[in-house]
PDB file of N, CA and C in Angstrom:
ATOM      1  N   MET A   1       1.648  25.175   4.029  1.00  0.00           N
ATOM      2  CA  MET A   1       1.970  24.114   3.086  1.00  0.00           C
ATOM      3  C   MET A   1       0.692  23.343   2.757  1.00  0.00           C
ATOM      4  N   SER A   2       0.052  23.736   1.712  1.00  0.00           N
ATOM      5  CA  SER A   2      -1.218  23.132   1.339  1.00  0.00           C
ATOM      6  C   SER A   2      -1.049  21.666   0.959  1.00  0.00           C
ATOM      7  N   GLY A   3      -1.969  20.824   1.453  1.00  0.00           N
ATOM      8  CA  GLY A   3      -1.938  19.408   1.123  1.00  0.00           C
ATOM      9  C   GLY A   3      -1.013  18.593   1.983  1.00  0.00           C
ATOM     10  N   THR A   4      -0.332  19.245   2.930  1.00  0.00           N
ATOM     11  CA  THR A   4       0.561  18.494   3.805  1.00  0.00           C
ATOM     12  C   THR A   4      -0.079  18.318   5.170  1.00  0.00           C
ATOM     13  N   ALA A   5       0.419  17.372   5.909  1.00  0.00           N
ATOM     14  CA  ALA A   5      -0.064  17.121   7.258  1.00  0.00           C
ATOM     15  C   ALA A   5       1.102  16.736   8.144  1.00  0.00           C
ATOM     16  N   LEU A   6       0.919  16.940   9.426  1.00  0.00           N
ATOM     17  CA  LEU A   6       1.857  16.475  10.437  1.00  0.00           C
ATOM     18  C   LEU A   6       1.158  15.396  11.240  1.00  0.00           C
ATOM     19  N   GLY A   7       1.893  14.336  11.540  1.00  0.00           N
ATOM     20  CA  GLY A   7       1.356  13.264  12.365  1.00  0.00           C
ATOM     21  C   GLY A   7       2.185  13.133  13.620  1.00  0.00           C
ATOM     22  N   PHE A   8       1.510  12.871  14.727  1.00  0.00           N
ATOM     23  CA  PHE A   8       2.164  12.771  16.023  1.00  0.00           C
ATOM     24  C   PHE A   8       1.771  11.472  16.697  1.00  0.00           C
ATOM     25  N   ILE A   9       2.741  10.807  17.285  1.00  0.00           N
ATOM     26  CA  ILE A   9       2.468   9.678  18.176  1.00  0.00           C
ATOM     27  C   ILE A   9       3.317   9.893  19.416  1.00  0.00           C
ATOM     28  N   GLU A  10       2.653   9.884  20.558  1.00  0.00           N
ATOM     29  CA  GLU A  10       3.347   9.951  21.840  1.00  0.00           C
ATOM     30  C   GLU A  10       3.209   8.580  22.473  1.00  0.00           C
ATOM     31  N   ILE A  11       4.353   8.001  22.819  1.00  0.00           N
ATOM     32  CA  ILE A  11       4.361   6.607  23.256  1.00  0.00           C
ATOM     33  C   ILE A  11       5.364   6.452  24.392  1.00  0.00           C
ATOM     34  N   SER A  12       5.173   5.445  25.196  1.00  0.00           N
ATOM     35  CA  SER A  12       6.029   5.198  26.343  1.00  0.00           C
ATOM     36  C   SER A  12       7.240   4.353  25.931  1.00  0.00           C
ATOM     37  N   GLY A  13       8.433   4.948  26.016  1.00  0.00           N
ATOM     38  CA  GLY A  13       9.676   4.217  25.774  1.00  0.00           C
ATOM     39  C   GLY A  13      10.283   4.444  24.405  1.00  0.00           C
ATOM     40  N   VAL A  14      11.602   4.494  24.376  1.00  0.00           N
ATOM     41  CA  VAL A  14      12.336   4.734  23.128  1.00  0.00           C
ATOM     42  C   VAL A  14      12.182   3.560  22.159  1.00  0.00           C
ATOM     43  N   VAL A  15      12.251   2.339  22.661  1.00  0.00           N
ATOM     44  CA  VAL A  15      12.126   1.172  21.779  1.00  0.00           C
ATOM     45  C   VAL A  15      10.751   1.158  21.112  1.00  0.00           C
ATOM     46  N   ALA A  16       9.715   1.415  21.881  1.00  0.00           N
ATOM     47  CA  ALA A  16       8.364   1.458  21.323  1.00  0.00           C
ATOM     48  C   ALA A  16       8.228   2.591  20.312  1.00  0.00           C
ATOM     49  N   ALA A  17       8.887   3.723  20.570  1.00  0.00           N
ATOM     50  CA  ALA A  17       8.833   4.851  19.646  1.00  0.00           C
ATOM     51  C   ALA A  17       9.523   4.519  18.321  1.00  0.00           C
ATOM     52  N   VAL A  18      10.665   3.859  18.396  1.00  0.00           N
ATOM     53  CA  VAL A  18      11.377   3.466  17.179  1.00  0.00           C
ATOM     54  C   VAL A  18      10.547   2.450  16.401  1.00  0.00           C
ATOM     55  N   ASP A  19       9.910   1.535  17.103  1.00  0.00           N
ATOM     56  CA  ASP A  19       9.024   0.563  16.454  1.00  0.00           C
ATOM     57  C   ASP A  19       7.869   1.276  15.746  1.00  0.00           C
ATOM     58  N   ALA A  20       7.248   2.227  16.429  1.00  0.00           N
ATOM     59  CA  ALA A  20       6.140   2.980  15.821  1.00  0.00           C
ATOM     60  C   ALA A  20       6.615   3.770  14.602  1.00  0.00           C
ATOM     61  N   LEU A  21       7.791   4.388  14.694  1.00  0.00           N
ATOM     62  CA  LEU A  21       8.337   5.137  13.561  1.00  0.00           C
ATOM     63  C   LEU A  21       8.607   4.216  12.379  1.00  0.00           C
ATOM     64  N   ASP A  22       9.160   3.056  12.639  1.00  0.00           N
ATOM     65  CA  ASP A  22       9.424   2.086  11.582  1.00  0.00           C
ATOM     66  C   ASP A  22       8.116   1.695  10.880  1.00  0.00           C
ATOM     67  N   ILE A  23       7.097   1.433  11.660  1.00  0.00           N
ATOM     68  CA  ILE A  23       5.791   1.085  11.083  1.00  0.00           C
ATOM     69  C   ILE A  23       5.265   2.236  10.231  1.00  0.00           C
ATOM     70  N   MET A  24       5.349   3.466  10.750  1.00  0.00           N
ATOM     71  CA  MET A  24       4.826   4.625  10.003  1.00  0.00           C
ATOM     72  C   MET A  24       5.563   4.820   8.683  1.00  0.00           C
ATOM     73  N   CYS A  25       6.890   4.716   8.727  1.00  0.00           N
ATOM     74  CA  CYS A  25       7.670   4.942   7.506  1.00  0.00           C
ATOM     75  C   CYS A  25       7.459   3.837   6.470  1.00  0.00           C
ATOM     76  N   LYS A  26       7.227   2.612   6.935  1.00  0.00           N
ATOM     77  CA  LYS A  26       7.001   1.496   6.012  1.00  0.00           C
ATOM     78  C   LYS A  26       5.572   1.477   5.472  1.00  0.00           C
ATOM     79  N   THR A  27       4.642   2.080   6.198  1.00  0.00           N
ATOM     80  CA  THR A  27       3.234   2.053   5.801  1.00  0.00           C
ATOM     81  C   THR A  27       2.971   2.914   4.581  1.00  0.00           C
ATOM     82  N   SER A  28       3.514   4.101   4.572  1.00  0.00           N
ATOM     83  CA  SER A  28       3.227   5.028   3.474  1.00  0.00           C
ATOM     84  C   SER A  28       4.364   6.013   3.320  1.00  0.00           C
ATOM     85  N   GLY A  29       4.272   6.844   2.313  1.00  0.00           N
ATOM     86  CA  GLY A  29       5.345   7.780   1.990  1.00  0.00           C
ATOM     87  C   GLY A  29       5.386   8.979   2.912  1.00  0.00           C
ATOM     88  N   VAL A  30       5.762   8.745   4.165  1.00  0.00           N
ATOM     89  CA  VAL A  30       5.878   9.842   5.117  1.00  0.00           C
ATOM     90  C   VAL A  30       7.343  10.091   5.423  1.00  0.00           C
ATOM     91  N   GLU A  31       7.609  11.269   5.941  1.00  0.00           N
ATOM     92  CA  GLU A  31       8.969  11.679   6.265  1.00  0.00           C
ATOM     93  C   GLU A  31       9.077  11.920   7.769  1.00  0.00           C
ATOM     94  N   PHE A  32      10.099  11.355   8.378  1.00  0.00           N
ATOM     95  CA  PHE A  32      10.369  11.616   9.791  1.00  0.00           C
ATOM     96  C   PHE A  32      10.848  13.047   9.934  1.00  0.00           C
ATOM     97  N   MET A  33      10.233  13.791  10.848  1.00  0.00           N
ATOM     98  CA  MET A  33      10.625  15.182  11.065  1.00  0.00           C
ATOM     99  C   MET A  33      11.517  15.340  12.298  1.00  0.00           C
ATOM    100  N   THR A  34      11.039  14.849  13.432  1.00  0.00           N
ATOM    101  CA  THR A  34      11.781  15.017  14.677  1.00  0.00           C
ATOM    102  C   THR A  34      11.172  14.139  15.749  1.00  0.00           C
ATOM    103  N   TRP A  35      11.824  14.122  16.887  1.00  0.00           N
ATOM    104  CA  TRP A  35      11.259  13.466  18.056  1.00  0.00           C
ATOM    105  C   TRP A  35      11.641  14.256  19.288  1.00  0.00           C
ATOM    106  N   GLU A  36      10.856  14.098  20.311  1.00  0.00           N
ATOM    107  CA  GLU A  36      11.105  14.736  21.598  1.00  0.00           C
ATOM    108  C   GLU A  36      11.044  13.651  22.663  1.00  0.00           C
ATOM    109  N   ARG A  37      12.047  13.618  23.521  1.00  0.00           N
ATOM    110  CA  ARG A  37      12.061  12.654  24.622  1.00  0.00           C
ATOM    111  C   ARG A  37      11.894  13.421  25.927  1.00  0.00           C
ATOM    112  N   LYS A  38      10.973  12.955  26.743  1.00  0.00           N
ATOM    113  CA  LYS A  38      10.727  13.566  28.049  1.00  0.00           C
ATOM    114  C   LYS A  38      10.829  12.481  29.112  1.00  0.00           C
ATOM    115  N   LEU A  39      11.033  12.903  30.338  1.00  0.00           N
ATOM    116  CA  LEU A  39      11.128  11.981  31.473  1.00  0.00           C
ATOM    117  C   LEU A  39      12.214  10.930  31.249  1.00  0.00           C
ATOM    118  N   GLY A  40      13.358  11.368  30.751  1.00  0.00           N
ATOM    119  CA  GLY A  40      14.476  10.457  30.535  1.00  0.00           C
ATOM    120  C   GLY A  40      14.222   9.425  29.453  1.00  0.00           C
ATOM    121  N   GLY A  41      13.374   9.737  28.491  1.00  0.00           N
ATOM    122  CA  GLY A  41      13.071   8.807  27.404  1.00  0.00           C
ATOM    123  C   GLY A  41      11.894   7.901  27.699  1.00  0.00           C
ATOM    124  N   ARG A  42      11.273   8.092  28.862  1.00  0.00           N
ATOM    125  CA  ARG A  42      10.114   7.254  29.175  1.00  0.00           C
ATOM    126  C   ARG A  42       8.883   7.671  28.390  1.00  0.00           C
ATOM    127  N   LEU A  43       8.873   8.895  27.878  1.00  0.00           N
ATOM    128  CA  LEU A  43       7.777   9.374  27.057  1.00  0.00           C
ATOM    129  C   LEU A  43       8.383  10.018  25.816  1.00  0.00           C
ATOM    130  N   VAL A  44       8.024   9.509  24.651  1.00  0.00           N
ATOM    131  CA  VAL A  44       8.628   9.954  23.397  1.00  0.00           C
ATOM    132  C   VAL A  44       7.524  10.376  22.426  1.00  0.00           C
ATOM    133  N   THR A  45       7.718  11.538  21.801  1.00  0.00           N
ATOM    134  CA  THR A  45       6.799  12.004  20.768  1.00  0.00           C
ATOM    135  C   THR A  45       7.522  11.962  19.432  1.00  0.00           C
ATOM    136  N   ILE A  46       6.937  11.267  18.467  1.00  0.00           N
ATOM    137  CA  ILE A  46       7.472  11.162  17.110  1.00  0.00           C
ATOM    138  C   ILE A  46       6.625  12.058  16.214  1.00  0.00           C
ATOM    139  N   VAL A  47       7.279  12.820  15.331  1.00  0.00           N
ATOM    140  CA  VAL A  47       6.572  13.696  14.408  1.00  0.00           C
ATOM    141  C   VAL A  47       6.951  13.307  12.977  1.00  0.00           C
ATOM    142  N   ILE A  48       5.929  13.111  12.137  1.00  0.00           N
ATOM    143  CA  ILE A  48       6.138  12.783  10.726  1.00  0.00           C
ATOM    144  C   ILE A  48       5.414  13.810   9.862  1.00  0.00           C
ATOM    145  N   ARG A  49       5.754  13.827   8.574  1.00  0.00           N
ATOM    146  CA  ARG A  49       5.117  14.742   7.618  1.00  0.00           C
ATOM    147  C   ARG A  49       4.842  13.990   6.331  1.00  0.00           C
ATOM    148  N   GLY A  50       3.806  14.414   5.651  1.00  0.00           N
ATOM    149  CA  GLY A  50       3.451  13.860   4.351  1.00  0.00           C
ATOM    150  C   GLY A  50       2.105  14.400   3.917  1.00  0.00           C
ATOM    151  N   ASP A  51       1.542  13.801   2.876  1.00  0.00           N
ATOM    152  CA  ASP A  51       0.204  14.227   2.490  1.00  0.00           C
ATOM    153  C   ASP A  51      -0.786  13.692   3.529  1.00  0.00           C
ATOM    154  N   VAL A  52      -1.964  14.299   3.566  1.00  0.00           N
ATOM    155  CA  VAL A  52      -2.930  14.002   4.619  1.00  0.00           C
ATOM    156  C   VAL A  52      -3.281  12.513   4.675  1.00  0.00           C
ATOM    157  N   ALA A  53      -3.560  11.898   3.547  1.00  0.00           N
ATOM    158  CA  ALA A  53      -3.951  10.487   3.522  1.00  0.00           C
ATOM    159  C   ALA A  53      -2.822   9.589   4.024  1.00  0.00           C
ATOM    160  N   SER A  54      -1.594   9.853   3.594  1.00  0.00           N
ATOM    161  CA  SER A  54      -0.448   9.027   4.005  1.00  0.00           C
ATOM    162  C   SER A  54      -0.167   9.159   5.497  1.00  0.00           C
ATOM    163  N   VAL A  55      -0.220  10.382   6.004  1.00  0.00           N
ATOM    164  CA  VAL A  55       0.040  10.602   7.428  1.00  0.00           C
ATOM    165  C   VAL A  55      -1.049   9.941   8.270  1.00  0.00           C
ATOM    166  N   THR A  56      -2.295  10.097   7.861  1.00  0.00           N
ATOM    167  CA  THR A  56      -3.404   9.478   8.590  1.00  0.00           C
ATOM    168  C   THR A  56      -3.258   7.966   8.622  1.00  0.00           C
ATOM    169  N   GLU A  57      -2.954   7.365   7.471  1.00  0.00           N
ATOM    170  CA  GLU A  57      -2.761   5.915   7.404  1.00  0.00           C
ATOM    171  C   GLU A  57      -1.588   5.474   8.281  1.00  0.00           C
ATOM    172  N   ALA A  58      -0.491   6.219   8.241  1.00  0.00           N
ATOM    173  CA  ALA A  58       0.699   5.860   9.011  1.00  0.00           C
ATOM    174  C   ALA A  58       0.426   5.917  10.514  1.00  0.00           C
ATOM    175  N   VAL A  59      -0.226   6.971  10.974  1.00  0.00           N
ATOM    176  CA  VAL A  59      -0.514   7.123  12.402  1.00  0.00           C
ATOM    177  C   VAL A  59      -1.488   6.043  12.867  1.00  0.00           C
ATOM    178  N   GLU A  60      -2.533   5.792  12.084  1.00  0.00           N
ATOM    179  CA  GLU A  60      -3.506   4.763  12.460  1.00  0.00           C
ATOM    180  C   GLU A  60      -2.878   3.371  12.497  1.00  0.00           C
ATOM    181  N   THR A  61      -2.054   3.054  11.506  1.00  0.00           N
ATOM    182  CA  THR A  61      -1.414   1.735  11.455  1.00  0.00           C
ATOM    183  C   THR A  61      -0.458   1.544  12.626  1.00  0.00           C
ATOM    184  N   ALA A  62       0.348   2.554  12.919  1.00  0.00           N
ATOM    185  CA  ALA A  62       1.278   2.455  14.049  1.00  0.00           C
ATOM    186  C   ALA A  62       0.521   2.372  15.373  1.00  0.00           C
ATOM    187  N   SER A  63      -0.567   3.115  15.490  1.00  0.00           N
ATOM    188  CA  SER A  63      -1.353   3.078  16.723  1.00  0.00           C
ATOM    189  C   SER A  63      -1.926   1.687  16.987  1.00  0.00           C
ATOM    190  N   GLN A  64      -2.262   0.982  15.930  1.00  0.00           N
ATOM    191  CA  GLN A  64      -2.847  -0.349  16.065  1.00  0.00           C
ATOM    192  C   GLN A  64      -1.794  -1.452  16.204  1.00  0.00           C
ATOM    193  N   ASN A  65      -0.618  -1.271  15.612  1.00  0.00           N
ATOM    194  CA  ASN A  65       0.341  -2.372  15.497  1.00  0.00           C
ATOM    195  C   ASN A  65       1.650  -2.213  16.258  1.00  0.00           C
ATOM    196  N   ALA A  66       1.895  -1.078  16.869  1.00  0.00           N
ATOM    197  CA  ALA A  66       3.159  -0.878  17.591  1.00  0.00           C
ATOM    198  C   ALA A  66       3.216  -1.807  18.802  1.00  0.00           C
ATOM    199  N   ILE A  67       4.427  -2.049  19.302  1.00  0.00           N
ATOM    200  CA  ILE A  67       4.586  -2.976  20.426  1.00  0.00           C
ATOM    201  C   ILE A  67       3.932  -2.458  21.703  1.00  0.00           C
ATOM    202  N   LYS A  68       3.693  -1.166  21.761  1.00  0.00           N
ATOM    203  CA  LYS A  68       2.929  -0.554  22.855  1.00  0.00           C
ATOM    204  C   LYS A  68       1.872   0.352  22.236  1.00  0.00           C
ATOM    205  N   LYS A  69       0.788   0.516  22.920  1.00  0.00           N
ATOM    206  CA  LYS A  69      -0.251   1.437  22.461  1.00  0.00           C
ATOM    207  C   LYS A  69       0.184   2.864  22.783  1.00  0.00           C
ATOM    208  N   PRO A  70      -0.029   3.793  21.862  1.00  0.00           N
ATOM    209  CA  PRO A  70       0.344   5.187  22.115  1.00  0.00           C
ATOM    210  C   PRO A  70      -0.439   5.791  23.279  1.00  0.00           C
ATOM    211  N   VAL A  71       0.198   6.726  23.958  1.00  0.00           N
ATOM    212  CA  VAL A  71      -0.464   7.516  24.984  1.00  0.00           C
ATOM    213  C   VAL A  71      -1.421   8.486  24.291  1.00  0.00           C
ATOM    214  N   ALA A  72      -0.974   9.032  23.167  1.00  0.00           N
ATOM    215  CA  ALA A  72      -1.781   9.971  22.383  1.00  0.00           C
ATOM    216  C   ALA A  72      -1.295   9.940  20.947  1.00  0.00           C
ATOM    217  N   SER A  73      -2.172  10.306  20.024  1.00  0.00           N
ATOM    218  CA  SER A  73      -1.783  10.420  18.617  1.00  0.00           C
ATOM    219  C   SER A  73      -2.698  11.440  17.954  1.00  0.00           C
ATOM    220  N   GLY A  74      -2.232  11.979  16.844  1.00  0.00           N
ATOM    221  CA  GLY A  74      -3.052  12.947  16.139  1.00  0.00           C
ATOM    222  C   GLY A  74      -2.471  13.301  14.800  1.00  0.00           C
ATOM    223  N   VAL A  75      -3.326  13.864  13.960  1.00  0.00           N
ATOM    224  CA  VAL A  75      -2.938  14.338  12.632  1.00  0.00           C
ATOM    225  C   VAL A  75      -3.422  15.770  12.503  1.00  0.00           C
ATOM    226  N   ILE A  76      -2.547  16.651  12.051  1.00  0.00           N
ATOM    227  CA  ILE A  76      -2.922  18.039  11.787  1.00  0.00           C
ATOM    228  C   ILE A  76      -2.779  18.268  10.289  1.00  0.00           C
ATOM    229  N   ALA A  77      -3.910  18.431   9.616  1.00  0.00           N
ATOM    230  CA  ALA A  77      -3.896  18.726   8.180  1.00  0.00           C
ATOM    231  C   ALA A  77      -3.649  20.223   7.987  1.00  0.00           C
ATOM    232  N   ASN A  78      -2.824  20.549   7.017  1.00  0.00           N
ATOM    233  CA  ASN A  78      -2.500  21.945   6.705  1.00  0.00           C
ATOM    234  C   ASN A  78      -2.160  22.749   7.958  1.00  0.00           C
ATOM    235  N   PRO A  79      -1.086  22.379   8.649  1.00  0.00           N
ATOM    236  CA  PRO A  79      -0.756  23.039   9.915  1.00  0.00           C
ATOM    237  C   PRO A  79      -0.468  24.527   9.734  1.00  0.00           C
ATOM    238  N   HIS A  80      -0.827  25.280  10.747  1.00  0.00           N
ATOM    239  CA  HIS A  80      -0.574  26.720  10.787  1.00  0.00           C
ATOM    240  C   HIS A  80       0.937  26.962  10.778  1.00  0.00           C
ATOM    241  N   GLY A  81       1.347  28.096  10.305  1.00  0.00           N
ATOM    242  CA  GLY A  81       2.764  28.447  10.236  1.00  0.00           C
ATOM    243  C   GLY A  81       3.477  28.390  11.576  1.00  0.00           C
ATOM    244  N   GLU A  82       2.783  28.720  12.653  1.00  0.00           N
ATOM    245  CA  GLU A  82       3.404  28.663  13.983  1.00  0.00           C
ATOM    246  C   GLU A  82       3.688  27.223  14.398  1.00  0.00           C
ATOM    247  N   ILE A  83       2.839  26.303  13.986  1.00  0.00           N
ATOM    248  CA  ILE A  83       3.092  24.886  14.267  1.00  0.00           C
ATOM    249  C   ILE A  83       4.308  24.431  13.470  1.00  0.00           C
ATOM    250  N   GLU A  84       4.373  24.848  12.217  1.00  0.00           N
ATOM    251  CA  GLU A  84       5.541  24.523  11.378  1.00  0.00           C
ATOM    252  C   GLU A  84       6.821  25.049  12.025  1.00  0.00           C
ATOM    253  N   ARG A  85       6.750  26.267  12.570  1.00  0.00           N
ATOM    254  CA  ARG A  85       7.914  26.870  13.218  1.00  0.00           C
ATOM    255  C   ARG A  85       8.330  26.070  14.455  1.00  0.00           C
ATOM    256  N   LEU A  86       7.362  25.634  15.237  1.00  0.00           N
ATOM    257  CA  LEU A  86       7.636  24.831  16.423  1.00  0.00           C
ATOM    258  C   LEU A  86       8.325  23.516  16.053  1.00  0.00           C
ATOM    259  N   ILE A  87       7.836  22.856  15.018  1.00  0.00           N
ATOM    260  CA  ILE A  87       8.427  21.591  14.575  1.00  0.00           C
ATOM    261  C   ILE A  87       9.832  21.830  14.021  1.00  0.00           C
ATOM    262  N   ALA A  88      10.018  22.916  13.285  1.00  0.00           N
ATOM    263  CA  ALA A  88      11.341  23.241  12.746  1.00  0.00           C
ATOM    264  C   ALA A  88      12.344  23.486  13.874  1.00  0.00           C
ATOM    265  N   LEU A  89      11.910  24.135  14.948  1.00  0.00           N
ATOM    266  CA  LEU A  89      12.790  24.369  16.095  1.00  0.00           C
ATOM    267  C   LEU A  89      13.202  23.044  16.728  1.00  0.00           C
ATOM    268  N   SER A  90      12.243  22.169  16.928  1.00  0.00           N
ATOM    269  CA  SER A  90      12.538  20.848  17.492  1.00  0.00           C
ATOM    270  C   SER A  90      13.489  20.076  16.581  1.00  0.00           C
ATOM    271  N   ALA A  91      13.214  20.109  15.279  1.00  0.00           N
ATOM    272  CA  ALA A  91      14.059  19.392  14.317  1.00  0.00           C
ATOM    273  C   ALA A  91      15.478  19.950  14.306  1.00  0.00           C
ATOM    274  N   SER A  92      15.628  21.266  14.459  1.00  0.00           N
ATOM    275  CA  SER A  92      16.972  21.849  14.454  1.00  0.00           C
ATOM    276  C   SER A  92      17.752  21.434  15.696  1.00  0.00           C
ATOM    277  N   ARG A  93      17.083  21.326  16.845  1.00  0.00           N
ATOM    278  CA  ARG A  93      17.764  20.842  18.055  1.00  0.00           C
ATOM    279  C   ARG A  93      18.175  19.392  17.871  1.00  0.00           C
ATOM    280  N   PHE A  94      17.307  18.597  17.258  1.00  0.00           N
ATOM    281  CA  PHE A  94      17.601  17.190  17.002  1.00  0.00           C
ATOM    282  C   PHE A  94      18.780  17.071  16.036  1.00  0.00           C
ATOM    283  N   ALA A  95      18.805  17.894  14.987  1.00  0.00           N
ATOM    284  CA  ALA A  95      19.896  17.853  14.004  1.00  0.00           C
ATOM    285  C   ALA A  95      21.218  18.241  14.647  1.00  0.00           C
ATOM    286  N   ASN A  96      21.211  19.195  15.564  1.00  0.00           N
ATOM    287  CA  ASN A  96      22.447  19.601  16.241  1.00  0.00           C
ATOM    288  C   ASN A  96      23.022  18.476  17.081  1.00  0.00           C
ATOM    289  N   VAL A  97      22.184  17.648  17.651  1.00  0.00           N
ATOM    290  CA  VAL A  97      22.645  16.509  18.434  1.00  0.00           C
ATOM    291  C   VAL A  97      23.313  15.484  17.536  1.00  0.00           C
ATOM    292  N   LEU A  98      22.852  15.383  16.290  1.00  0.00           N
ATOM    293  CA  LEU A  98      23.398  14.395  15.357  1.00  0.00           C
ATOM    294  C   LEU A  98      24.690  14.837  14.686  1.00  0.00           C
ATOM    295  N   GLN A  99      25.121  16.070  14.887  1.00  0.00           N
ATOM    296  CA  GLN A  99      26.305  16.603  14.218  1.00  0.00           C
ATOM    297  C   GLN A  99      27.537  16.485  15.112  1.00  0.00           C
ATOM    298  N   PRO A 100      28.124  15.297  15.217  1.00  0.00           N
ATOM    299  CA  PRO A 100      29.342  15.172  16.037  1.00  0.00           C
ATOM    300  C   PRO A 100      30.500  15.892  15.354  1.00  0.00           C
ATOM    301  N   ASP A 101      31.537  16.144  16.131  1.00  0.00           N
ATOM    302  CA  ASP A 101      32.733  16.744  15.541  1.00  0.00           C
ATOM    303  C   ASP A 101      33.284  15.791  14.494  1.00  0.00           C
ATOM    304  N   VAL A 102      33.560  16.334  13.338  1.00  0.00           N
ATOM    305  CA  VAL A 102      34.076  15.520  12.242  1.00  0.00           C
ATOM    306  C   VAL A 102      35.592  15.561  12.279  1.00  0.00           C
ATOM    307  N   LEU A 103      36.185  14.386  12.333  1.00  0.00           N
ATOM    308  CA  LEU A 103      37.644  14.285  12.349  1.00  0.00           C
ATOM    309  C   LEU A 103      38.131  13.881  10.967  1.00  0.00           C
ATOM    310  N   ASP A 104      39.101  14.606  10.460  1.00  0.00           N
ATOM    311  CA  ASP A 104      39.665  14.198   9.179  1.00  0.00           C
ATOM    312  C   ASP A 104      40.736  13.138   9.427  1.00  0.00           C
ATOM    313  N   GLU A 105      41.224  12.541   8.370  1.00  0.00           N
ATOM    314  CA  GLU A 105      42.181  11.427   8.470  1.00  0.00           C
ATOM    315  C   GLU A 105      43.454  11.848   9.204  1.00  0.00           C
ATOM    316  N   GLN A 106      43.952  13.053   8.944  1.00  0.00           N
ATOM    317  CA  GLN A 106      45.183  13.506   9.585  1.00  0.00           C
ATOM    318  C   GLN A 106      44.991  13.639  11.098  1.00  0.00           C
ATOM    319  N   THR A 107      43.856  14.182  11.534  1.00  0.00           N
ATOM    320  CA  THR A 107      43.588  14.332  12.960  1.00  0.00           C
ATOM    321  C   THR A 107      43.513  12.970  13.638  1.00  0.00           C
ATOM    322  N   ILE A 108      42.894  11.998  12.977  1.00  0.00           N
ATOM    323  CA  ILE A 108      42.792  10.659  13.554  1.00  0.00           C
ATOM    324  C   ILE A 108      44.173  10.052  13.727  1.00  0.00           C
ATOM    325  N   GLN A 109      45.088  10.230  12.730  1.00  0.00           N
ATOM    326  CA  GLN A 109      46.427   9.672  12.822  1.00  0.00           C
ATOM    327  C   GLN A 109      47.238  10.337  13.938  1.00  0.00           C
ATOM    328  N   GLU A 110      46.969  11.620  14.189  1.00  0.00           N
ATOM    329  CA  GLU A 110      47.700  12.327  15.252  1.00  0.00           C
ATOM    330  C   GLU A 110      47.274  11.861  16.616  1.00  0.00           C
ATOM    331  N   VAL A 111      46.059  11.392  16.742  1.00  0.00           N
ATOM    332  CA  VAL A 111      45.558  10.925  18.037  1.00  0.00           C
ATOM    333  C   VAL A 111      46.131   9.591  18.285  1.00  0.00           C
TER     334      VAL A 111
END
């Protein structure tokens, strides 16, 4: 994907990660891709996508202004296809978690 970049911020704690994501999304036209939580949510990696300048600005701004300083951060300009595949796999696992069973009105009334 020419002209695109992926931005990563790894930060301690879910609240700090949400704060960093909010800063990144408000800073420039970036898109949230996925997140990974490790150690019971004590370490969270946020992944965003956008053009190189926007992603760089978003990561730098969040790194400076988030309620906690990131453990690590980085920007990958024009990521290799295997990196794209890795992020897509993570995003698909995240999307599956967000898909609760949908109950229609009749099922709700029967319960």
